[in-house]
Amino acid sequence: MGTNPKTTLYVGGLEENVTEGVLHAAFIPFGDIKDVSMPLDQSTQKHRGFAFVTYLDKEDAAAAMDNMHNAELYGRVLTVNYAQPIKIKGGEQGWASQPVWADADTWFERQQQEEGLQRLQAEHQATIEAAEAEDRKKLTEARDGETEAVDDEPTDPMAQAEAEALSINPPQES
C-alpha cells in the first residue's frame, strides 16, 4: 500500500549538532519510530537543517507534531509538519508512494526555498534595522536642534514666555 504520508514528519530548524540519534530520542516518547532520515549536504557532510521522522502509527505522528512544533532543541525552534508526498515527474500517475526524500530534485527545491526564506528574513531584519537607525538619526537631530536653537526660528511660545519672564525677574538668590 506504500507509505502513508501522514506517518512521516518534516522536522526543520535543526541546529547543526543535532544527529539522527538525538532526533530519535526527542521523538520516541510519542510512539514507535520506523525511520529517521537526515539528508547530508554532499560537500560539507553536515545535515541541511532538516530531517524526516517516520512513525509506525499516524496517531503517534500527529501527537509528535502537536507537541514538537515550535519546541526547542539545542536552542533552536523546530518546525514540525507532515512531509509532503511528491508528484512523480512526467504525467498523471498521481501521488508518489515513495517517501519525499527519495527524489533528488525536491531537495534542491526545498533547499532553494529555505535559502529564499532566509534571504527574505535577512532582508526583513535589515529593513527593521535601517528603520531603527533612521529613527535614531531623527531623534539625534531633533535633540541637536533643541540645544542650538537659532534665534530667528519661532520657538515654542510657552518656552519663550518662560524665558522672557526669567529675564525680567531673575530668580532671587537667597
Protein backbone atom coordinates (compact mmCIF):
# COMPACT_ATOMS: atom_id res chain seq x y z
CA MET A 1 0.00 0.00 0.00
CA GLY A 2 3.05 2.34 0.10
CA THR A 3 3.92 4.70 2.90
CA ASN A 4 1.12 6.70 4.43
CA PRO A 5 2.30 10.32 4.16
CA LYS A 6 0.60 11.05 7.49
CA THR A 7 3.19 8.98 9.37
CA THR A 8 6.21 10.94 8.11
CA LEU A 9 7.04 14.29 9.68
CA TYR A 10 9.27 17.00 8.26
CA VAL A 11 11.39 18.46 11.06
CA GLY A 12 13.08 21.75 10.18
CA GLY A 13 15.20 24.32 12.02
CA LEU A 14 17.74 21.81 13.30
CA GLU A 15 20.92 23.04 14.96
CA GLU A 16 24.00 21.63 13.25
CA ASN A 17 24.99 19.33 16.14
CA VAL A 18 21.66 17.50 16.09
CA THR A 19 22.10 13.89 14.95
CA GLU A 20 19.66 11.17 13.93
CA GLY A 21 20.20 9.72 17.40
CA VAL A 22 19.26 13.00 19.08
CA LEU A 23 16.13 13.25 16.94
CA HIS A 24 15.19 9.66 17.65
CA ALA A 25 15.49 10.36 21.38
CA ALA A 26 13.47 13.58 21.08
CA PHE A 27 10.64 11.97 19.10
CA ILE A 28 10.45 8.44 20.59
CA PRO A 29 8.25 9.49 23.58
CA PHE A 30 5.32 9.85 21.15
CA GLY A 31 5.45 6.31 19.71
CA ASP A 32 7.42 3.73 17.77
CA ILE A 33 9.67 5.24 15.15
CA LYS A 34 10.21 3.35 11.92
CA ASP A 35 12.85 5.64 10.43
CA VAL A 36 14.80 8.85 11.00
CA SER A 37 16.30 10.29 7.85
CA MET A 38 18.62 13.28 7.89
CA PRO A 39 19.94 14.12 4.42
CA LEU A 40 23.53 15.32 4.34
CA ASP A 41 24.98 18.06 2.23
CA GLN A 42 27.36 16.18 -0.08
CA SER A 43 30.06 18.87 0.08
CA THR A 44 30.14 19.53 3.83
CA GLN A 45 28.82 16.14 5.05
CA LYS A 46 26.67 18.08 7.52
CA HIS A 47 22.90 17.90 7.54
CA ARG A 48 20.96 20.73 5.95
CA GLY A 49 18.92 21.78 8.96
CA PHE A 50 16.04 19.39 8.46
CA ALA A 51 15.16 15.72 8.75
CA PHE A 52 12.27 13.30 8.43
CA VAL A 53 10.90 11.16 11.22
CA THR A 54 8.59 8.30 10.23
CA TYR A 55 6.32 6.69 12.82
CA LEU A 56 4.62 3.30 12.59
CA ASP A 57 1.26 4.85 13.54
CA LYS A 58 -0.25 8.05 12.21
CA GLU A 59 -1.74 8.84 15.65
CA ASP A 60 1.80 8.91 17.08
CA ALA A 61 2.97 11.13 14.24
CA ALA A 62 0.07 13.52 14.93
CA ALA A 63 0.92 13.62 18.66
CA ALA A 64 4.59 14.26 17.91
CA MET A 65 3.71 17.05 15.51
CA ASP A 66 1.37 18.69 18.07
CA ASN A 67 3.99 18.52 20.79
CA MET A 68 7.19 19.21 18.90
CA HIS A 69 6.16 22.01 16.51
CA ASN A 70 7.75 25.23 17.86
CA ALA A 71 9.53 23.23 20.59
CA GLU A 72 13.20 23.99 21.19
CA LEU A 73 16.03 21.58 20.52
CA TYR A 74 19.62 22.72 21.18
CA GLY A 75 18.26 26.28 21.49
CA ARG A 76 16.66 26.31 18.02
CA VAL A 77 12.89 26.41 17.47
CA LEU A 78 11.70 23.44 15.41
CA THR A 79 9.21 23.42 12.57
CA VAL A 80 7.35 20.13 12.53
CA ASN A 81 4.71 19.27 9.97
CA TYR A 82 3.67 16.43 7.72
CA ALA A 83 6.16 15.68 4.99
CA GLN A 84 4.55 16.35 1.63
CA PRO A 85 4.30 13.44 -0.78
CA ILE A 86 5.69 14.50 -4.13
CA LYS A 87 4.25 14.12 -7.60
CA ILE A 88 6.28 11.85 -9.81
CA LYS A 89 7.64 13.81 -12.75
CA GLY A 90 6.00 13.33 -16.12
CA GLY A 91 2.33 12.57 -16.36
CA GLU A 92 -0.68 11.92 -14.22
CA GLN A 93 0.32 8.98 -12.07
CA GLY A 94 -0.94 10.89 -9.05
CA TRP A 95 1.00 10.80 -5.81
CA ALA A 96 4.30 9.05 -5.45
CA SER A 97 4.28 6.20 -2.98
CA GLN A 98 7.95 6.76 -2.22
CA PRO A 99 9.00 8.98 0.69
CA VAL A 100 9.51 12.65 -0.09
CA TRP A 101 13.30 12.46 0.21
CA ALA A 102 13.61 9.79 -2.50
CA ASP A 103 13.61 12.38 -5.28
CA ALA A 104 16.83 14.39 -5.52
CA ASP A 105 15.17 17.37 -7.21
CA THR A 106 12.93 18.06 -4.25
CA TRP A 107 15.98 18.53 -2.04
CA PHE A 108 17.33 21.13 -4.30
CA GLU A 109 13.94 22.83 -4.49
CA ARG A 110 13.44 22.64 -0.74
CA GLN A 111 16.96 23.99 -0.23
CA GLN A 112 16.26 26.89 -2.57
CA GLN A 113 13.00 27.62 -0.76
CA GLU A 114 14.75 27.58 2.59
CA GLU A 115 17.51 29.85 1.28
CA GLY A 116 14.89 32.15 -0.22
CA LEU A 117 13.11 32.27 3.11
CA GLN A 118 16.34 33.02 4.96
CA ARG A 119 17.11 35.76 2.44
CA LEU A 120 13.65 37.27 2.98
CA GLN A 121 14.11 37.12 6.75
CA ALA A 122 17.55 38.72 6.44
CA GLU A 123 16.13 41.48 4.24
CA HIS A 124 13.27 41.99 6.67
CA GLN A 125 15.78 42.24 9.53
CA ALA A 126 17.86 44.74 7.52
CA THR A 127 14.74 46.82 6.84
CA ILE A 128 13.90 46.89 10.56
CA GLU A 129 17.48 47.85 11.45
CA ALA A 130 17.53 50.58 8.80
CA ALA A 131 14.24 51.97 10.12
CA GLU A 132 15.58 51.92 13.67
CA ALA A 133 18.79 53.65 12.58
CA GLU A 134 16.71 56.26 10.73
CA ASP A 135 14.61 56.85 13.87
CA ARG A 136 17.74 57.21 16.00
CA LYS A 137 19.16 59.70 13.49
CA LYS A 138 15.96 61.77 13.59
CA LEU A 139 15.96 61.72 17.39
CA THR A 140 19.60 62.82 17.49
CA GLU A 141 18.94 65.62 15.00
CA ALA A 142 15.90 66.74 16.99
CA ARG A 143 17.96 66.80 20.18
CA ASP A 144 20.80 68.70 18.49
CA GLY A 145 18.24 71.18 17.11
CA GLU A 146 16.99 71.93 20.63
CA THR A 147 20.43 72.68 22.01
CA GLU A 148 21.46 75.08 19.25
CA ALA A 149 18.15 76.86 18.62
CA VAL A 150 18.70 79.59 16.03
CA ASP A 151 17.16 82.90 17.14
CA ASP A 152 15.13 83.60 14.00
CA GLU A 153 13.26 80.27 14.26
CA PRO A 154 9.91 80.58 16.04
CA THR A 155 10.27 78.69 19.31
CA ASP A 156 7.59 77.19 21.46
CA PRO A 157 5.51 80.20 22.70
CA MET A 158 5.25 78.82 26.25
CA ALA A 159 9.01 78.31 26.45
CA GLN A 160 9.52 81.82 25.06
CA ALA A 161 7.17 83.34 27.65
CA GLU A 162 9.00 81.49 30.43
CA ALA A 163 12.38 82.64 29.14
CA GLU A 164 11.16 86.25 28.98
CA ALA A 165 9.68 86.05 32.48
CA LEU A 166 13.03 84.76 33.76
CA SER A 167 14.95 87.56 32.06
CA ILE A 168 12.61 90.18 33.60
CA ASN A 169 12.51 88.57 37.05
CA PRO A 170 15.71 86.62 37.57
CA PRO A 171 15.30 84.03 40.37
CA GLN A 172 16.15 85.66 43.71
CA GLU A 173 19.27 84.25 45.27
CA SER A 174 18.69 83.70 48.97
